[in-house]
Amino acid sequence: MNIFKKIFNWGIILILSIYFVLLSMVASFGYFIKPAKSDCIIVLGCMVYGQEPSPFLKERLNEAIRLYNLGYADYIIVSGGKGKGEDISEALAMEKYLIKKGVKKEKIIKEELSKNTYENLNNSKKIMDKMNLKTAVVVSNKFHLLRAKIVTKKLNINSTYSGIFVKRYIYHEVYGFLREPFGLVKYYFHYAF
């Protein structure tokens, strides 16, 4: 009976060790990765409240505007379908927000079919291929960027990344970081091979 207890304890230690290694990978990637000049910026979808982008989505869009205004890219691809409780697609809500902030409509490309990160990037890649756009800056929350990298690598998207951290929603951000190792494992086994 003693041997089973030891195996159980070592199993718990191993699982916790893997979790904390993944957590440190998520955090370090999110904080140290830098964007590079590209053909387009891809803003990954996030919750819309009715027709209004959620605070996280607004911050992603503000980061895209910042990069666009600094000349990082000529186009912004906004990616996200219509989810539960949303009156319009995330992409349409993003487009409206960007236009309100001064981005020209012809510089915004909507992708309105996706329901998750993989679909966001897969559908955005199809748009890039059609428009002969070779490189992208992917914008999301810092905790989400390593997972996005797994997908961009799988899809052969030549990309760099730029992340946001919304301080006024620090509890949500911390929760996102703590939850992300599980999402990372799921995406890695589902999409990396």
Protein backbone atom coordinates (compact mmCIF):
# COMPACT_ATOMS: atom_id res chain seq x y z
CA MET A 1 0.00 0.00 0.00
CA ASN A 2 2.92 2.30 0.78
CA ILE A 3 4.26 1.97 -2.80
CA PHE A 4 0.93 3.18 -4.25
CA LYS A 5 1.00 6.24 -2.01
CA LYS A 6 4.54 7.04 -3.21
CA ILE A 7 3.53 6.61 -6.86
CA PHE A 8 0.50 8.86 -6.29
CA ASN A 9 2.61 11.54 -4.58
CA TRP A 10 5.25 11.45 -7.34
CA GLY A 11 2.45 11.62 -9.93
CA ILE A 12 1.05 14.76 -8.30
CA ILE A 13 4.53 16.33 -8.16
CA LEU A 14 5.10 15.51 -11.84
CA ILE A 15 1.73 16.99 -12.92
CA LEU A 16 2.32 20.17 -10.89
CA SER A 17 5.85 20.49 -12.30
CA ILE A 18 4.55 20.21 -15.87
CA TYR A 19 1.80 22.74 -15.11
CA PHE A 20 4.25 25.32 -13.73
CA VAL A 21 6.67 24.82 -16.63
CA LEU A 22 3.81 25.44 -19.08
CA LEU A 23 2.63 28.45 -17.07
CA SER A 24 6.11 29.98 -17.18
CA MET A 25 6.29 29.34 -20.95
CA VAL A 26 2.92 31.08 -21.46
CA ALA A 27 3.98 34.08 -19.36
CA SER A 28 7.46 34.49 -20.81
CA PHE A 29 6.25 34.19 -24.42
CA GLY A 30 3.46 36.69 -23.81
CA TYR A 31 5.75 39.24 -22.20
CA PHE A 32 8.92 38.98 -24.27
CA ILE A 33 7.65 38.45 -27.83
CA LYS A 34 7.76 41.53 -30.08
CA PRO A 35 5.89 42.39 -33.28
CA ALA A 36 7.67 43.00 -36.60
CA LYS A 37 6.63 44.97 -39.67
CA SER A 38 4.20 42.77 -41.61
CA ASP A 39 1.65 42.73 -44.40
CA CYS A 40 -1.32 42.58 -42.04
CA ILE A 41 -2.44 42.56 -38.41
CA ILE A 42 -4.79 39.77 -37.31
CA VAL A 43 -6.99 40.60 -34.31
CA LEU A 44 -8.32 37.42 -32.72
CA GLY A 45 -11.99 37.51 -31.75
CA CYS A 46 -13.30 37.89 -28.22
CA MET A 47 -16.67 38.41 -26.57
CA VAL A 48 -19.05 41.08 -27.86
CA TYR A 49 -21.75 42.45 -25.54
CA GLY A 50 -24.73 42.86 -27.86
CA GLN A 51 -22.99 44.95 -30.53
CA GLU A 52 -20.24 46.40 -28.34
CA PRO A 53 -16.75 44.89 -28.09
CA SER A 54 -15.93 43.62 -24.59
CA PRO A 55 -13.15 45.42 -22.67
CA PHE A 56 -10.63 42.72 -23.70
CA LEU A 57 -11.62 43.04 -27.34
CA LYS A 58 -11.42 46.85 -27.20
CA GLU A 59 -7.88 46.60 -25.87
CA ARG A 60 -6.92 44.15 -28.63
CA LEU A 61 -8.35 46.62 -31.15
CA ASN A 62 -6.54 49.55 -29.53
CA GLU A 63 -3.29 47.59 -29.85
CA ALA A 64 -4.06 46.89 -33.52
CA ILE A 65 -4.71 50.62 -34.07
CA ARG A 66 -1.43 51.49 -32.35
CA LEU A 67 0.50 49.07 -34.55
CA TYR A 68 -1.34 50.20 -37.68
CA ASN A 69 -0.63 53.88 -36.93
CA LEU A 70 3.05 53.07 -36.35
CA GLY A 71 3.21 51.48 -39.81
CA TYR A 72 3.50 47.84 -38.78
CA ALA A 73 0.99 46.79 -41.47
CA ASP A 74 -1.33 48.17 -44.16
CA TYR A 75 -4.32 45.92 -43.39
CA ILE A 76 -6.15 44.73 -40.29
CA ILE A 77 -7.96 41.38 -40.42
CA VAL A 78 -10.65 41.20 -37.75
CA SER A 79 -11.60 37.61 -37.03
CA GLY A 80 -14.62 36.25 -35.18
CA GLY A 81 -18.10 34.90 -35.86
CA LYS A 82 -21.34 35.56 -33.99
CA GLY A 83 -21.39 33.79 -30.65
CA LYS A 84 -24.03 33.16 -28.02
CA GLY A 85 -25.47 36.41 -26.65
CA GLU A 86 -23.93 38.47 -29.43
CA ASP A 87 -26.22 40.50 -31.72
CA ILE A 88 -23.63 40.76 -34.49
CA SER A 89 -20.42 38.96 -35.42
CA GLU A 90 -17.29 39.83 -33.47
CA ALA A 91 -15.67 40.86 -36.77
CA LEU A 92 -18.44 43.35 -37.56
CA ALA A 93 -18.27 44.82 -34.04
CA MET A 94 -14.50 45.16 -34.47
CA GLU A 95 -14.84 46.78 -37.88
CA LYS A 96 -17.31 49.37 -36.51
CA TYR A 97 -14.97 50.14 -33.59
CA LEU A 98 -11.95 50.57 -35.87
CA ILE A 99 -13.82 52.85 -38.27
CA LYS A 100 -14.99 54.96 -35.31
CA LYS A 101 -11.34 55.27 -34.28
CA GLY A 102 -10.29 56.50 -37.73
CA VAL A 103 -9.17 53.36 -39.58
CA LYS A 104 -10.33 53.44 -43.23
CA LYS A 105 -12.91 50.77 -44.07
CA GLU A 106 -10.91 49.55 -47.08
CA LYS A 107 -8.00 48.70 -44.76
CA ILE A 108 -10.18 46.39 -42.62
CA ILE A 109 -10.92 42.82 -43.71
CA LYS A 110 -13.67 40.91 -41.92
CA GLU A 111 -13.58 37.18 -41.21
CA GLU A 112 -17.00 36.34 -39.73
CA LEU A 113 -17.18 32.53 -39.64
CA SER A 114 -14.75 31.43 -36.93
CA LYS A 115 -15.70 30.13 -33.49
CA ASN A 116 -12.28 29.49 -31.89
CA THR A 117 -8.59 30.38 -32.16
CA TYR A 118 -7.83 27.70 -34.74
CA GLU A 119 -10.67 28.85 -36.99
CA ASN A 120 -9.71 32.53 -36.48
CA LEU A 121 -6.24 31.84 -37.83
CA ASN A 122 -7.18 29.24 -40.44
CA ASN A 123 -9.81 31.52 -42.00
CA SER A 124 -7.47 34.52 -41.76
CA LYS A 125 -4.77 32.51 -43.57
CA LYS A 126 -7.22 31.89 -46.45
CA ILE A 127 -7.78 35.65 -46.69
CA MET A 128 -4.03 36.26 -46.60
CA ASP A 129 -3.45 33.74 -49.39
CA LYS A 130 -6.20 35.30 -51.54
CA MET A 131 -4.73 38.80 -51.05
CA ASN A 132 -1.11 37.64 -51.36
CA LEU A 133 -0.30 38.78 -47.81
CA LYS A 134 2.75 36.88 -46.60
CA THR A 135 3.27 38.02 -43.00
CA ALA A 136 1.10 38.92 -40.01
CA VAL A 137 1.19 40.35 -36.51
CA VAL A 138 -1.26 38.38 -34.36
CA VAL A 139 -2.90 40.44 -31.59
CA SER A 140 -4.53 38.93 -28.51
CA ASN A 141 -4.16 38.85 -24.74
CA LYS A 142 -0.65 38.03 -23.60
CA PHE A 143 -1.78 34.74 -22.05
CA HIS A 144 -3.27 33.65 -25.39
CA LEU A 145 -0.26 34.23 -27.64
CA LEU A 146 1.63 30.96 -27.15
CA ARG A 147 -1.48 29.00 -28.10
CA ALA A 148 -1.85 31.24 -31.16
CA LYS A 149 1.76 30.44 -32.06
CA ILE A 150 1.05 26.70 -32.02
CA VAL A 151 -1.73 27.28 -34.54
CA THR A 152 0.21 29.71 -36.77
CA LYS A 153 3.06 27.24 -36.93
CA LYS A 154 0.67 24.44 -37.92
CA LEU A 155 -0.89 26.66 -40.61
CA ASN A 156 2.47 27.99 -41.88
CA ILE A 157 1.58 31.60 -41.15
CA ASN A 158 4.74 33.69 -41.00
CA SER A 159 3.84 35.71 -37.92
CA THR A 160 4.98 37.74 -34.97
CA TYR A 161 2.80 38.63 -31.99
CA SER A 162 1.67 41.54 -29.86
CA GLY A 163 -0.17 41.05 -26.60
CA ILE A 164 -2.30 43.13 -24.28
CA PHE A 165 -2.81 42.95 -20.53
CA VAL A 166 -5.88 44.78 -19.20
CA LYS A 167 -4.86 45.95 -15.71
CA ARG A 168 -8.34 47.02 -14.64
CA TYR A 169 -9.44 43.40 -15.17
CA ILE A 170 -6.42 41.90 -13.47
CA TYR A 171 -8.40 39.02 -11.93
CA HIS A 172 -9.66 37.96 -15.36
CA GLU A 173 -6.15 38.23 -16.76
CA VAL A 174 -4.64 36.18 -13.93
CA TYR A 175 -7.39 33.58 -14.37
CA GLY A 176 -6.56 33.51 -18.10
CA PHE A 177 -2.90 32.80 -17.34
CA LEU A 178 -3.76 30.10 -14.78
CA ARG A 179 -6.19 28.38 -17.16
CA GLU A 180 -4.03 28.65 -20.27
CA PRO A 181 -1.68 25.67 -19.62
CA PHE A 182 -4.72 23.39 -20.00
CA GLY A 183 -5.72 25.08 -23.25
CA LEU A 184 -2.13 24.83 -24.43
CA VAL A 185 -2.02 21.07 -23.86
CA LYS A 186 -5.36 20.62 -25.64
CA TYR A 187 -4.25 22.69 -28.65
CA TYR A 188 -0.83 21.12 -28.79
CA PHE A 189 -2.15 17.57 -29.05
CA HIS A 190 -5.06 18.56 -31.25
CA TYR A 191 -3.28 20.86 -33.74
CA ALA A 192 0.47 20.44 -33.47
CA PHE A 193 0.67 17.10 -35.27
